[in-house]
């Protein structure tokens, strides 16, 4: 199996369109031989942040939080599928990420933004870049911006027409970039322990 890549998605809306992009990404990564898994913030349902995982005494954190923390620590790379709410980030996904810190360190992350409009969630992408960097991830330069999402992916997450074909082509570059950084980070972590 290839790299363990967690694909994070965080909309809590009843009629979620971005899940199309998350499902597309997981499928495309698996087609490339990666060990990809969807982490859906709504399905996990962590409470609003009170304490981070590291702030609990060993073994006393909620089981769901402990399991997800272990999954994050064991991953080689991350892909964040992000929507835009009022020029900012989705609160559900931000809440999930904030429960963890050291678990994210020394691994690459990619960002794929989306929206129903033509700006494709790019303002959220910019905000996430800074946030993920601050949380200890190496954010790769390749990004995706998908919009209007309803004209790019159907309800099953399959590409539609020319916008979908363009996404398919662009995804290959992002996946190549993320895989390269995942391998580089794994090699470096095996060669030398992280400084903190």
N, C-alpha and C. Protein backbone atom coordinates (compact mmCIF):
# COMPACT_ATOMS: atom_id res chain seq x y z
N UNK A 1 0.84 -1.18 0.00
CA UNK A 1 0.00 0.00 0.00
C UNK A 1 0.88 1.24 0.00
N UNK A 2 0.36 2.31 -0.54
CA UNK A 2 1.10 3.56 -0.62
C UNK A 2 1.06 4.34 0.67
N UNK A 3 1.19 5.64 0.54
CA UNK A 3 1.16 6.54 1.69
C UNK A 3 -0.22 6.53 2.35
N UNK A 4 -0.23 6.66 3.67
CA UNK A 4 -1.48 6.82 4.41
C UNK A 4 -1.85 8.30 4.36
N UNK A 5 -2.90 8.64 3.62
CA UNK A 5 -3.33 10.02 3.43
C UNK A 5 -4.74 10.18 3.98
N UNK A 6 -4.89 11.08 4.93
CA UNK A 6 -6.20 11.38 5.49
C UNK A 6 -6.78 12.59 4.77
N UNK A 7 -8.01 12.43 4.29
CA UNK A 7 -8.72 13.51 3.59
C UNK A 7 -9.75 14.07 4.55
N UNK A 8 -9.57 15.30 4.97
CA UNK A 8 -10.44 15.94 5.96
C UNK A 8 -11.50 16.79 5.27
N UNK A 9 -12.73 16.68 5.78
CA UNK A 9 -13.86 17.44 5.25
C UNK A 9 -14.70 17.90 6.43
N UNK A 10 -15.23 19.14 6.38
CA UNK A 10 -15.84 19.68 7.58
C UNK A 10 -17.16 20.38 7.51
N UNK A 11 -17.91 20.27 6.41
CA UNK A 11 -19.21 20.91 6.37
C UNK A 11 -20.22 20.15 7.23
N UNK A 12 -21.03 20.92 7.96
CA UNK A 12 -22.12 20.34 8.76
C UNK A 12 -23.48 20.61 8.13
N UNK A 13 -23.53 21.19 6.96
CA UNK A 13 -24.79 21.53 6.31
C UNK A 13 -25.58 20.26 5.94
N UNK A 14 -26.90 20.41 5.87
CA UNK A 14 -27.74 19.27 5.50
C UNK A 14 -27.52 18.88 4.04
N UNK A 15 -27.36 19.86 3.16
CA UNK A 15 -27.19 19.61 1.73
C UNK A 15 -25.74 19.91 1.35
N UNK A 16 -24.84 19.01 1.74
CA UNK A 16 -23.41 19.25 1.57
C UNK A 16 -22.98 18.97 0.13
N UNK A 17 -22.40 19.97 -0.50
CA UNK A 17 -21.90 19.80 -1.87
C UNK A 17 -20.42 19.41 -1.88
N UNK A 18 -19.68 19.89 -0.90
CA UNK A 18 -18.25 19.64 -0.87
C UNK A 18 -17.88 18.18 -0.67
N UNK A 19 -18.81 17.39 -0.14
CA UNK A 19 -18.54 15.96 0.04
C UNK A 19 -18.24 15.31 -1.31
N UNK A 20 -18.75 15.91 -2.39
CA UNK A 20 -18.44 15.40 -3.73
C UNK A 20 -16.94 15.46 -3.99
N UNK A 21 -16.33 16.58 -3.61
CA UNK A 21 -14.89 16.74 -3.82
C UNK A 21 -14.10 15.84 -2.89
N UNK A 22 -14.55 15.69 -1.66
CA UNK A 22 -13.87 14.79 -0.71
C UNK A 22 -13.91 13.35 -1.21
N UNK A 23 -15.08 12.90 -1.68
CA UNK A 23 -15.20 11.54 -2.20
C UNK A 23 -14.35 11.35 -3.44
N UNK A 24 -14.35 12.35 -4.33
CA UNK A 24 -13.53 12.32 -5.54
C UNK A 24 -12.06 12.16 -5.16
N UNK A 25 -11.60 12.95 -4.19
CA UNK A 25 -10.19 12.92 -3.78
C UNK A 25 -9.80 11.56 -3.21
N UNK A 26 -10.63 11.01 -2.34
CA UNK A 26 -10.33 9.70 -1.76
C UNK A 26 -10.25 8.65 -2.87
N UNK A 27 -11.20 8.66 -3.77
CA UNK A 27 -11.22 7.68 -4.86
C UNK A 27 -9.97 7.81 -5.75
N UNK A 28 -9.64 9.04 -6.12
CA UNK A 28 -8.49 9.26 -7.00
C UNK A 28 -7.17 8.87 -6.32
N UNK A 29 -7.06 9.16 -5.03
CA UNK A 29 -5.85 8.76 -4.31
C UNK A 29 -5.74 7.24 -4.23
N UNK A 30 -6.85 6.57 -3.97
CA UNK A 30 -6.84 5.10 -3.93
C UNK A 30 -6.50 4.52 -5.30
N UNK A 31 -7.01 5.13 -6.37
CA UNK A 31 -6.69 4.67 -7.72
C UNK A 31 -5.19 4.74 -8.00
N UNK A 32 -4.51 5.66 -7.33
CA UNK A 32 -3.06 5.83 -7.49
C UNK A 32 -2.28 4.88 -6.58
N UNK A 33 -2.98 4.08 -5.76
CA UNK A 33 -2.31 3.15 -4.87
C UNK A 33 -2.06 3.68 -3.48
N UNK A 34 -2.60 4.86 -3.17
CA UNK A 34 -2.44 5.43 -1.83
C UNK A 34 -3.47 4.81 -0.89
N UNK A 35 -3.14 4.79 0.38
CA UNK A 35 -4.03 4.29 1.42
C UNK A 35 -4.79 5.51 1.96
N UNK A 36 -5.84 5.91 1.27
CA UNK A 36 -6.57 7.14 1.59
C UNK A 36 -7.84 6.84 2.37
N UNK A 37 -8.15 7.73 3.32
CA UNK A 37 -9.35 7.58 4.13
C UNK A 37 -9.98 8.95 4.35
N UNK A 38 -11.32 8.98 4.35
CA UNK A 38 -12.07 10.20 4.60
C UNK A 38 -12.26 10.38 6.10
N UNK A 39 -11.96 11.58 6.58
CA UNK A 39 -12.23 11.97 7.96
C UNK A 39 -13.27 13.09 7.88
N UNK A 40 -14.52 12.75 8.19
CA UNK A 40 -15.66 13.67 8.07
C UNK A 40 -15.97 14.24 9.45
N UNK A 41 -15.70 15.52 9.63
CA UNK A 41 -15.89 16.15 10.95
C UNK A 41 -17.30 15.97 11.47
N UNK A 42 -18.29 16.06 10.60
CA UNK A 42 -19.68 15.92 11.04
C UNK A 42 -19.95 14.50 11.56
N UNK A 43 -19.43 13.50 10.86
CA UNK A 43 -19.63 12.12 11.29
C UNK A 43 -18.91 11.82 12.59
N UNK A 44 -17.74 12.41 12.78
CA UNK A 44 -16.98 12.19 14.02
C UNK A 44 -17.64 12.89 15.19
N UNK A 45 -18.08 14.12 14.97
CA UNK A 45 -18.87 14.84 15.97
C UNK A 45 -18.16 15.21 17.26
N UNK A 46 -16.92 15.67 17.16
CA UNK A 46 -16.25 16.14 18.37
C UNK A 46 -17.00 17.34 18.94
N UNK A 47 -17.02 17.49 20.26
CA UNK A 47 -17.70 18.66 20.86
C UNK A 47 -16.91 19.93 20.55
N UNK A 48 -17.54 21.08 20.79
CA UNK A 48 -16.80 22.34 20.67
C UNK A 48 -15.58 22.25 21.59
N UNK A 49 -14.49 22.78 21.11
CA UNK A 49 -13.22 22.63 21.82
C UNK A 49 -13.28 23.17 23.24
N UNK A 50 -13.00 22.29 24.18
CA UNK A 50 -12.81 22.67 25.57
C UNK A 50 -11.36 22.39 25.93
N UNK A 51 -10.92 21.15 25.65
CA UNK A 51 -9.54 20.77 25.90
C UNK A 51 -9.01 20.00 24.69
N UNK A 52 -7.75 20.26 24.36
CA UNK A 52 -7.09 19.50 23.31
C UNK A 52 -6.77 18.10 23.84
N UNK A 53 -6.52 17.18 22.93
CA UNK A 53 -6.17 15.82 23.31
C UNK A 53 -5.02 15.80 24.31
N UNK A 54 -4.01 16.60 24.07
CA UNK A 54 -2.82 16.60 24.94
C UNK A 54 -3.11 17.13 26.34
N UNK A 55 -4.24 17.79 26.53
CA UNK A 55 -4.57 18.37 27.83
C UNK A 55 -5.31 17.40 28.76
N UNK A 56 -5.64 16.24 28.24
CA UNK A 56 -6.26 15.19 29.05
C UNK A 56 -5.17 14.33 29.68
N UNK A 57 -5.43 13.83 30.88
CA UNK A 57 -4.54 12.83 31.46
C UNK A 57 -4.58 11.59 30.55
N UNK A 58 -3.48 10.86 30.48
CA UNK A 58 -3.37 9.71 29.60
C UNK A 58 -4.56 8.76 29.78
N UNK A 59 -5.22 8.45 28.66
CA UNK A 59 -6.32 7.50 28.65
C UNK A 59 -7.66 8.05 29.09
N UNK A 60 -7.75 9.36 29.38
CA UNK A 60 -9.02 9.90 29.87
C UNK A 60 -9.77 10.74 28.82
N UNK A 61 -9.17 11.01 27.69
CA UNK A 61 -9.85 11.77 26.63
C UNK A 61 -10.98 10.93 26.05
N UNK A 62 -12.00 11.56 25.46
CA UNK A 62 -13.05 10.79 24.80
C UNK A 62 -12.45 9.81 23.79
N UNK A 63 -13.01 8.63 23.71
CA UNK A 63 -12.47 7.57 22.86
C UNK A 63 -12.35 8.01 21.41
N UNK A 64 -13.36 8.71 20.91
CA UNK A 64 -13.32 9.18 19.52
C UNK A 64 -12.12 10.08 19.28
N UNK A 65 -11.84 10.96 20.23
CA UNK A 65 -10.71 11.88 20.11
C UNK A 65 -9.39 11.10 20.15
N UNK A 66 -9.29 10.12 21.05
CA UNK A 66 -8.06 9.31 21.13
C UNK A 66 -7.81 8.55 19.83
N UNK A 67 -8.88 7.96 19.28
CA UNK A 67 -8.73 7.20 18.02
C UNK A 67 -8.29 8.10 16.88
N UNK A 68 -8.93 9.27 16.77
CA UNK A 68 -8.56 10.18 15.68
C UNK A 68 -7.14 10.69 15.87
N UNK A 69 -6.76 11.00 17.10
CA UNK A 69 -5.38 11.42 17.36
C UNK A 69 -4.38 10.38 16.90
N UNK A 70 -4.66 9.12 17.16
CA UNK A 70 -3.78 8.03 16.72
C UNK A 70 -3.74 7.95 15.20
N UNK A 71 -4.89 8.11 14.55
CA UNK A 71 -4.92 8.08 13.09
C UNK A 71 -4.09 9.21 12.49
N UNK A 72 -4.20 10.39 13.06
CA UNK A 72 -3.43 11.53 12.56
C UNK A 72 -1.94 11.27 12.74
N UNK A 73 -1.53 10.79 13.90
CA UNK A 73 -0.11 10.51 14.16
C UNK A 73 0.45 9.47 13.20
N UNK A 74 -0.38 8.51 12.80
CA UNK A 74 0.09 7.42 11.92
C UNK A 74 0.05 7.78 10.44
N UNK A 75 -0.55 8.91 10.09
CA UNK A 75 -0.68 9.31 8.68
C UNK A 75 0.64 9.83 8.13
N UNK A 76 0.78 9.71 6.82
CA UNK A 76 1.95 10.25 6.12
C UNK A 76 1.69 11.64 5.56
N UNK A 77 0.42 11.96 5.29
CA UNK A 77 0.08 13.24 4.68
C UNK A 77 -1.41 13.50 4.86
N UNK A 78 -1.78 14.76 4.61
CA UNK A 78 -3.18 15.18 4.77
C UNK A 78 -3.64 15.98 3.55
N UNK A 79 -4.91 15.83 3.24
CA UNK A 79 -5.56 16.68 2.24
C UNK A 79 -6.80 17.27 2.90
N UNK A 80 -6.87 18.60 2.93
CA UNK A 80 -8.00 19.31 3.53
C UNK A 80 -8.91 19.82 2.42
N UNK A 81 -10.14 19.33 2.40
CA UNK A 81 -11.16 19.77 1.45
C UNK A 81 -11.98 20.83 2.17
N UNK A 82 -11.84 22.08 1.73
CA UNK A 82 -12.34 23.21 2.51
C UNK A 82 -13.33 24.07 1.74
N UNK A 83 -14.44 24.37 2.39
CA UNK A 83 -15.40 25.32 1.86
C UNK A 83 -15.15 26.68 2.48
N UNK A 84 -15.89 27.65 2.00
CA UNK A 84 -15.71 29.03 2.45
C UNK A 84 -17.00 29.54 3.07
N UNK A 85 -16.92 30.01 4.29
CA UNK A 85 -18.07 30.62 4.97
C UNK A 85 -17.73 32.08 5.25
N UNK A 86 -18.42 32.98 4.57
CA UNK A 86 -18.23 34.41 4.80
C UNK A 86 -16.76 34.82 4.75
N UNK A 87 -16.09 34.40 3.71
CA UNK A 87 -14.67 34.69 3.47
C UNK A 87 -13.75 33.96 4.42
N UNK A 88 -14.26 33.02 5.20
CA UNK A 88 -13.44 32.34 6.19
C UNK A 88 -13.56 30.84 6.11
N UNK A 89 -13.11 30.21 7.18
CA UNK A 89 -13.06 28.75 7.23
C UNK A 89 -14.35 28.18 7.79
N UNK A 90 -14.59 26.92 7.49
CA UNK A 90 -15.75 26.22 8.04
C UNK A 90 -15.50 25.93 9.52
N UNK A 91 -16.44 26.30 10.38
CA UNK A 91 -16.21 26.10 11.81
C UNK A 91 -16.10 24.63 12.22
N UNK A 92 -16.81 23.74 11.56
CA UNK A 92 -16.75 22.33 11.93
C UNK A 92 -15.37 21.73 11.74
N UNK A 93 -14.75 22.03 10.61
CA UNK A 93 -13.41 21.50 10.35
C UNK A 93 -12.37 22.18 11.23
N UNK A 94 -12.52 23.47 11.44
CA UNK A 94 -11.58 24.18 12.32
C UNK A 94 -11.66 23.63 13.74
N UNK A 95 -12.87 23.38 14.22
CA UNK A 95 -13.03 22.81 15.55
C UNK A 95 -12.33 21.45 15.65
N UNK A 96 -12.51 20.60 14.64
CA UNK A 96 -11.86 19.28 14.67
C UNK A 96 -10.35 19.43 14.72
N UNK A 97 -9.78 20.25 13.85
CA UNK A 97 -8.32 20.36 13.80
C UNK A 97 -7.76 20.90 15.10
N UNK A 98 -8.47 21.80 15.75
CA UNK A 98 -7.96 22.44 16.97
C UNK A 98 -7.88 21.49 18.16
N UNK A 99 -8.50 20.33 18.10
CA UNK A 99 -8.39 19.36 19.19
C UNK A 99 -7.01 18.70 19.25
N UNK A 100 -6.21 18.93 18.22
CA UNK A 100 -4.91 18.26 18.11
C UNK A 100 -3.83 19.29 17.81
N UNK A 101 -2.58 18.95 18.12
CA UNK A 101 -1.48 19.83 17.74
C UNK A 101 -0.25 19.00 17.34
N UNK A 102 0.45 18.43 18.30
CA UNK A 102 1.65 17.67 17.97
C UNK A 102 1.37 16.52 17.01
N UNK A 103 0.15 16.04 17.00
CA UNK A 103 -0.23 14.94 16.10
C UNK A 103 -0.02 15.33 14.62
N UNK A 104 -0.11 16.61 14.30
CA UNK A 104 0.01 17.07 12.91
C UNK A 104 1.47 17.27 12.47
N UNK A 105 2.38 17.40 13.41
CA UNK A 105 3.74 17.87 13.11
C UNK A 105 4.46 17.01 12.07
N UNK A 106 5.28 17.70 11.27
CA UNK A 106 6.27 17.10 10.38
C UNK A 106 5.68 16.25 9.26
N UNK A 107 4.47 16.61 8.83
CA UNK A 107 3.86 15.93 7.69
C UNK A 107 3.34 16.97 6.71
N UNK A 108 3.29 16.65 5.42
CA UNK A 108 2.77 17.59 4.43
C UNK A 108 1.25 17.61 4.40
N UNK A 109 0.72 18.75 3.99
CA UNK A 109 -0.72 18.92 3.82
C UNK A 109 -0.99 19.63 2.51
N UNK A 110 -2.08 19.24 1.88
CA UNK A 110 -2.55 19.90 0.66
C UNK A 110 -3.94 20.46 0.93
N UNK A 111 -4.33 21.46 0.14
CA UNK A 111 -5.63 22.11 0.30
C UNK A 111 -6.38 22.07 -1.04
N UNK A 112 -7.63 21.63 -0.96
CA UNK A 112 -8.55 21.67 -2.11
C UNK A 112 -9.77 22.46 -1.66
N UNK A 113 -9.99 23.62 -2.25
CA UNK A 113 -11.12 24.46 -1.86
C UNK A 113 -12.24 24.34 -2.89
N UNK A 114 -13.44 24.71 -2.45
CA UNK A 114 -14.60 24.63 -3.34
C UNK A 114 -15.64 25.65 -2.90
N UNK A 115 -16.54 25.96 -3.83
CA UNK A 115 -17.72 26.76 -3.50
C UNK A 115 -18.74 26.59 -4.61
N UNK A 116 -19.93 27.11 -4.35
CA UNK A 116 -20.97 27.08 -5.38
C UNK A 116 -20.73 28.14 -6.44
N UNK A 117 -19.87 29.09 -6.13
CA UNK A 117 -19.60 30.21 -7.04
C UNK A 117 -18.27 30.09 -7.76
N UNK A 118 -17.98 31.11 -8.54
CA UNK A 118 -16.79 31.08 -9.40
C UNK A 118 -15.48 31.29 -8.65
N UNK A 119 -15.51 31.83 -7.41
CA UNK A 119 -14.27 32.06 -6.68
C UNK A 119 -13.73 30.78 -6.03
N UNK A 120 -14.52 29.73 -6.01
CA UNK A 120 -14.07 28.38 -5.67
C UNK A 120 -13.47 28.23 -4.28
N UNK A 121 -13.89 29.07 -3.34
CA UNK A 121 -13.42 28.93 -1.97
C UNK A 121 -11.98 29.36 -1.74
N UNK A 122 -11.42 30.15 -2.66
CA UNK A 122 -10.00 30.49 -2.55
C UNK A 122 -9.67 31.29 -1.30
N UNK A 123 -10.60 32.10 -0.82
CA UNK A 123 -10.30 32.89 0.39
C UNK A 123 -10.15 31.96 1.60
N UNK A 124 -10.93 30.90 1.63
CA UNK A 124 -10.77 29.91 2.69
C UNK A 124 -9.43 29.19 2.56
N UNK A 125 -9.05 28.90 1.34
CA UNK A 125 -7.76 28.24 1.10
C UNK A 125 -6.61 29.05 1.67
N UNK A 126 -6.65 30.36 1.46
CA UNK A 126 -5.58 31.23 1.99
C UNK A 126 -5.55 31.15 3.52
N UNK A 127 -6.71 31.21 4.13
CA UNK A 127 -6.77 31.15 5.59
C UNK A 127 -6.27 29.81 6.12
N UNK A 128 -6.66 28.72 5.45
CA UNK A 128 -6.21 27.40 5.89
C UNK A 128 -4.70 27.24 5.74
N UNK A 129 -4.12 27.83 4.71
CA UNK A 129 -2.68 27.72 4.51
C UNK A 129 -1.94 28.21 5.76
N UNK A 130 -2.31 29.37 6.25
CA UNK A 130 -1.68 29.91 7.45
C UNK A 130 -1.94 29.04 8.68
N UNK A 131 -3.18 28.59 8.83
CA UNK A 131 -3.56 27.77 9.99
C UNK A 131 -2.79 26.46 10.02
N UNK A 132 -2.75 25.76 8.90
CA UNK A 132 -2.07 24.46 8.85
C UNK A 132 -0.57 24.61 9.05
N UNK A 133 0.00 25.67 8.51
CA UNK A 133 1.43 25.93 8.73
C UNK A 133 1.71 26.16 10.21
N UNK A 134 0.86 26.94 10.86
CA UNK A 134 1.03 27.22 12.29
C UNK A 134 0.90 25.94 13.12
N UNK A 135 0.13 24.97 12.63
CA UNK A 135 -0.08 23.72 13.35
C UNK A 135 1.01 22.70 13.06
N UNK A 136 2.08 23.09 12.37
CA UNK A 136 3.24 22.23 12.20
C UNK A 136 3.28 21.40 10.94
N UNK A 137 2.38 21.68 9.99
CA UNK A 137 2.39 20.95 8.73
C UNK A 137 3.16 21.73 7.68
N UNK A 138 3.73 21.02 6.73
CA UNK A 138 4.36 21.64 5.57
C UNK A 138 3.30 21.68 4.47
N UNK A 139 2.75 22.85 4.20
CA UNK A 139 1.68 22.98 3.21
C UNK A 139 2.31 23.07 1.83
N UNK A 140 1.92 22.15 0.96
CA UNK A 140 2.52 22.10 -0.37
C UNK A 140 1.98 23.22 -1.24
N UNK A 141 2.72 23.54 -2.30
CA UNK A 141 2.33 24.66 -3.16
C UNK A 141 1.19 24.32 -4.11
N UNK A 142 1.03 23.06 -4.47
CA UNK A 142 -0.07 22.68 -5.37
C UNK A 142 -1.39 22.74 -4.61
N UNK A 143 -2.38 23.40 -5.20
CA UNK A 143 -3.71 23.48 -4.61
C UNK A 143 -4.75 23.21 -5.69
N UNK A 144 -5.97 22.98 -5.24
CA UNK A 144 -7.11 22.88 -6.15
C UNK A 144 -8.13 23.92 -5.73
N UNK A 145 -8.83 24.49 -6.69
CA UNK A 145 -9.93 25.41 -6.43
C UNK A 145 -11.07 25.02 -7.36
N UNK A 146 -12.15 24.52 -6.80
CA UNK A 146 -13.25 23.95 -7.58
C UNK A 146 -14.50 24.80 -7.41
N UNK A 147 -14.95 25.39 -8.50
CA UNK A 147 -16.18 26.16 -8.46
C UNK A 147 -16.59 26.61 -9.85
N UNK A 148 -17.85 26.63 -10.09
CA UNK A 148 -18.93 26.13 -9.24
C UNK A 148 -18.88 24.60 -9.13
N UNK A 149 -18.96 24.11 -7.92
CA UNK A 149 -18.78 22.68 -7.69
C UNK A 149 -19.88 21.86 -8.36
N UNK A 150 -21.11 22.39 -8.41
CA UNK A 150 -22.22 21.67 -9.03
C UNK A 150 -22.07 21.49 -10.53
N UNK A 151 -21.18 22.27 -11.15
CA UNK A 151 -20.91 22.14 -12.58
C UNK A 151 -19.62 21.38 -12.85
N UNK A 152 -18.97 20.91 -11.79
CA UNK A 152 -17.68 20.22 -11.90
C UNK A 152 -17.78 18.75 -11.51
N UNK A 153 -18.56 18.47 -10.46
CA UNK A 153 -18.72 17.10 -9.97
C UNK A 153 -20.19 16.80 -9.77
N UNK A 154 -20.63 15.60 -10.18
CA UNK A 154 -22.02 15.23 -9.95
C UNK A 154 -22.20 14.76 -8.51
N UNK A 155 -23.40 14.31 -8.15
CA UNK A 155 -23.70 13.92 -6.77
C UNK A 155 -22.87 12.74 -6.30
N UNK A 156 -22.37 11.93 -7.22
CA UNK A 156 -21.53 10.79 -6.86
C UNK A 156 -20.04 11.15 -6.83
N UNK A 157 -19.73 12.43 -7.06
CA UNK A 157 -18.35 12.86 -7.06
C UNK A 157 -17.61 12.55 -8.35
N UNK A 158 -18.37 12.34 -9.42
CA UNK A 158 -17.77 12.06 -10.73
C UNK A 158 -17.64 13.36 -11.52
N UNK A 159 -16.52 13.54 -12.23
CA UNK A 159 -16.33 14.76 -13.02
C UNK A 159 -17.39 14.94 -14.10
N UNK A 160 -17.78 16.22 -14.32
CA UNK A 160 -18.77 16.59 -15.32
C UNK A 160 -18.12 17.51 -16.35
N UNK A 161 -18.24 17.17 -17.62
CA UNK A 161 -17.84 18.06 -18.71
C UNK A 161 -16.41 18.55 -18.61
N UNK A 162 -16.15 19.71 -19.23
CA UNK A 162 -14.80 20.28 -19.25
C UNK A 162 -14.31 20.71 -17.87
N UNK A 163 -15.17 21.32 -17.01
CA UNK A 163 -14.67 21.64 -15.67
C UNK A 163 -14.22 20.40 -14.90
N UNK A 164 -14.95 19.30 -15.06
CA UNK A 164 -14.57 18.06 -14.39
C UNK A 164 -13.28 17.48 -14.96
N UNK A 165 -13.13 17.57 -16.29
CA UNK A 165 -11.90 17.09 -16.92
C UNK A 165 -10.70 17.92 -16.46
N UNK A 166 -10.90 19.22 -16.32
CA UNK A 166 -9.82 20.09 -15.84
C UNK A 166 -9.44 19.73 -14.40
N UNK A 167 -10.43 19.44 -13.57
CA UNK A 167 -10.16 19.02 -12.19
C UNK A 167 -9.37 17.72 -12.18
N UNK A 168 -9.76 16.78 -13.00
CA UNK A 168 -9.07 15.50 -13.09
C UNK A 168 -7.59 15.70 -13.41
N UNK A 169 -7.31 16.57 -14.38
CA UNK A 169 -5.92 16.84 -14.76
C UNK A 169 -5.17 17.53 -13.61
N UNK A 170 -5.81 18.50 -12.98
CA UNK A 170 -5.16 19.25 -11.90
C UNK A 170 -4.91 18.37 -10.68
N UNK A 171 -5.82 17.43 -10.43
CA UNK A 171 -5.66 16.57 -9.26
C UNK A 171 -4.39 15.73 -9.36
N UNK A 172 -4.06 15.30 -10.56
CA UNK A 172 -2.86 14.47 -10.74
C UNK A 172 -1.61 15.21 -10.25
N UNK A 173 -1.53 16.49 -10.57
CA UNK A 173 -0.35 17.26 -10.13
C UNK A 173 -0.33 17.40 -8.61
N UNK A 174 -1.48 17.72 -8.01
CA UNK A 174 -1.55 17.84 -6.56
C UNK A 174 -1.16 16.53 -5.89
N UNK A 175 -1.67 15.42 -6.40
CA UNK A 175 -1.37 14.10 -5.81
C UNK A 175 0.10 13.75 -5.96
N UNK A 176 0.70 14.08 -7.10
CA UNK A 176 2.14 13.84 -7.29
C UNK A 176 2.95 14.65 -6.28
N UNK A 177 2.59 15.92 -6.12
CA UNK A 177 3.28 16.82 -5.21
C UNK A 177 3.15 16.31 -3.76
N UNK A 178 1.94 15.95 -3.36
CA UNK A 178 1.72 15.48 -2.00
C UNK A 178 2.48 14.18 -1.73
N UNK A 179 2.49 13.27 -2.69
CA UNK A 179 3.21 12.00 -2.53
C UNK A 179 4.71 12.24 -2.40
N UNK A 180 5.25 13.16 -3.18
CA UNK A 180 6.68 13.47 -3.12
C UNK A 180 7.04 13.98 -1.72
N UNK A 181 6.23 14.91 -1.20
CA UNK A 181 6.51 15.47 0.12
C UNK A 181 6.29 14.44 1.23
N UNK A 182 5.32 13.56 1.04
CA UNK A 182 5.10 12.50 2.04
C UNK A 182 6.32 11.60 2.12
N UNK A 183 6.86 11.22 0.98
CA UNK A 183 8.05 10.37 0.95
C UNK A 183 9.25 11.10 1.54
N UNK A 184 9.40 12.37 1.20
CA UNK A 184 10.52 13.15 1.73
C UNK A 184 10.44 13.26 3.26
N UNK A 185 9.25 13.52 3.77
CA UNK A 185 9.07 13.66 5.22
C UNK A 185 9.32 12.32 5.93
N UNK A 186 8.82 11.23 5.35
CA UNK A 186 9.05 9.90 5.95
C UNK A 186 10.54 9.58 6.01
N UNK A 187 11.22 9.87 4.91
CA UNK A 187 12.66 9.60 4.85
C UNK A 187 13.41 10.41 5.89
N UNK A 188 13.07 11.68 6.01
CA UNK A 188 13.76 12.54 6.97
C UNK A 188 13.45 12.13 8.41
N UNK A 189 12.19 11.77 8.70
CA UNK A 189 11.85 11.35 10.06
C UNK A 189 12.59 10.06 10.44
N UNK A 190 12.81 9.17 9.45
CA UNK A 190 13.55 7.93 9.71
C UNK A 190 15.05 8.21 9.90
N UNK A 191 15.53 9.22 9.19
CA UNK A 191 16.96 9.55 9.25
C UNK A 191 17.32 10.31 10.52
N UNK A 192 16.40 11.19 10.94
CA UNK A 192 16.71 12.05 12.08
C UNK A 192 15.43 12.41 12.79
N UNK A 193 15.41 12.30 14.10
CA UNK A 193 14.21 12.62 14.89
C UNK A 193 13.89 14.11 14.74
N UNK A 194 12.62 14.46 14.67
CA UNK A 194 12.25 15.87 14.62
C UNK A 194 12.82 16.61 15.83
N UNK A 195 13.12 17.91 15.67
CA UNK A 195 13.76 18.65 16.76
C UNK A 195 12.88 18.89 17.98
N UNK A 196 11.57 18.75 17.83
CA UNK A 196 10.66 18.87 18.98
C UNK A 196 9.36 18.18 18.68
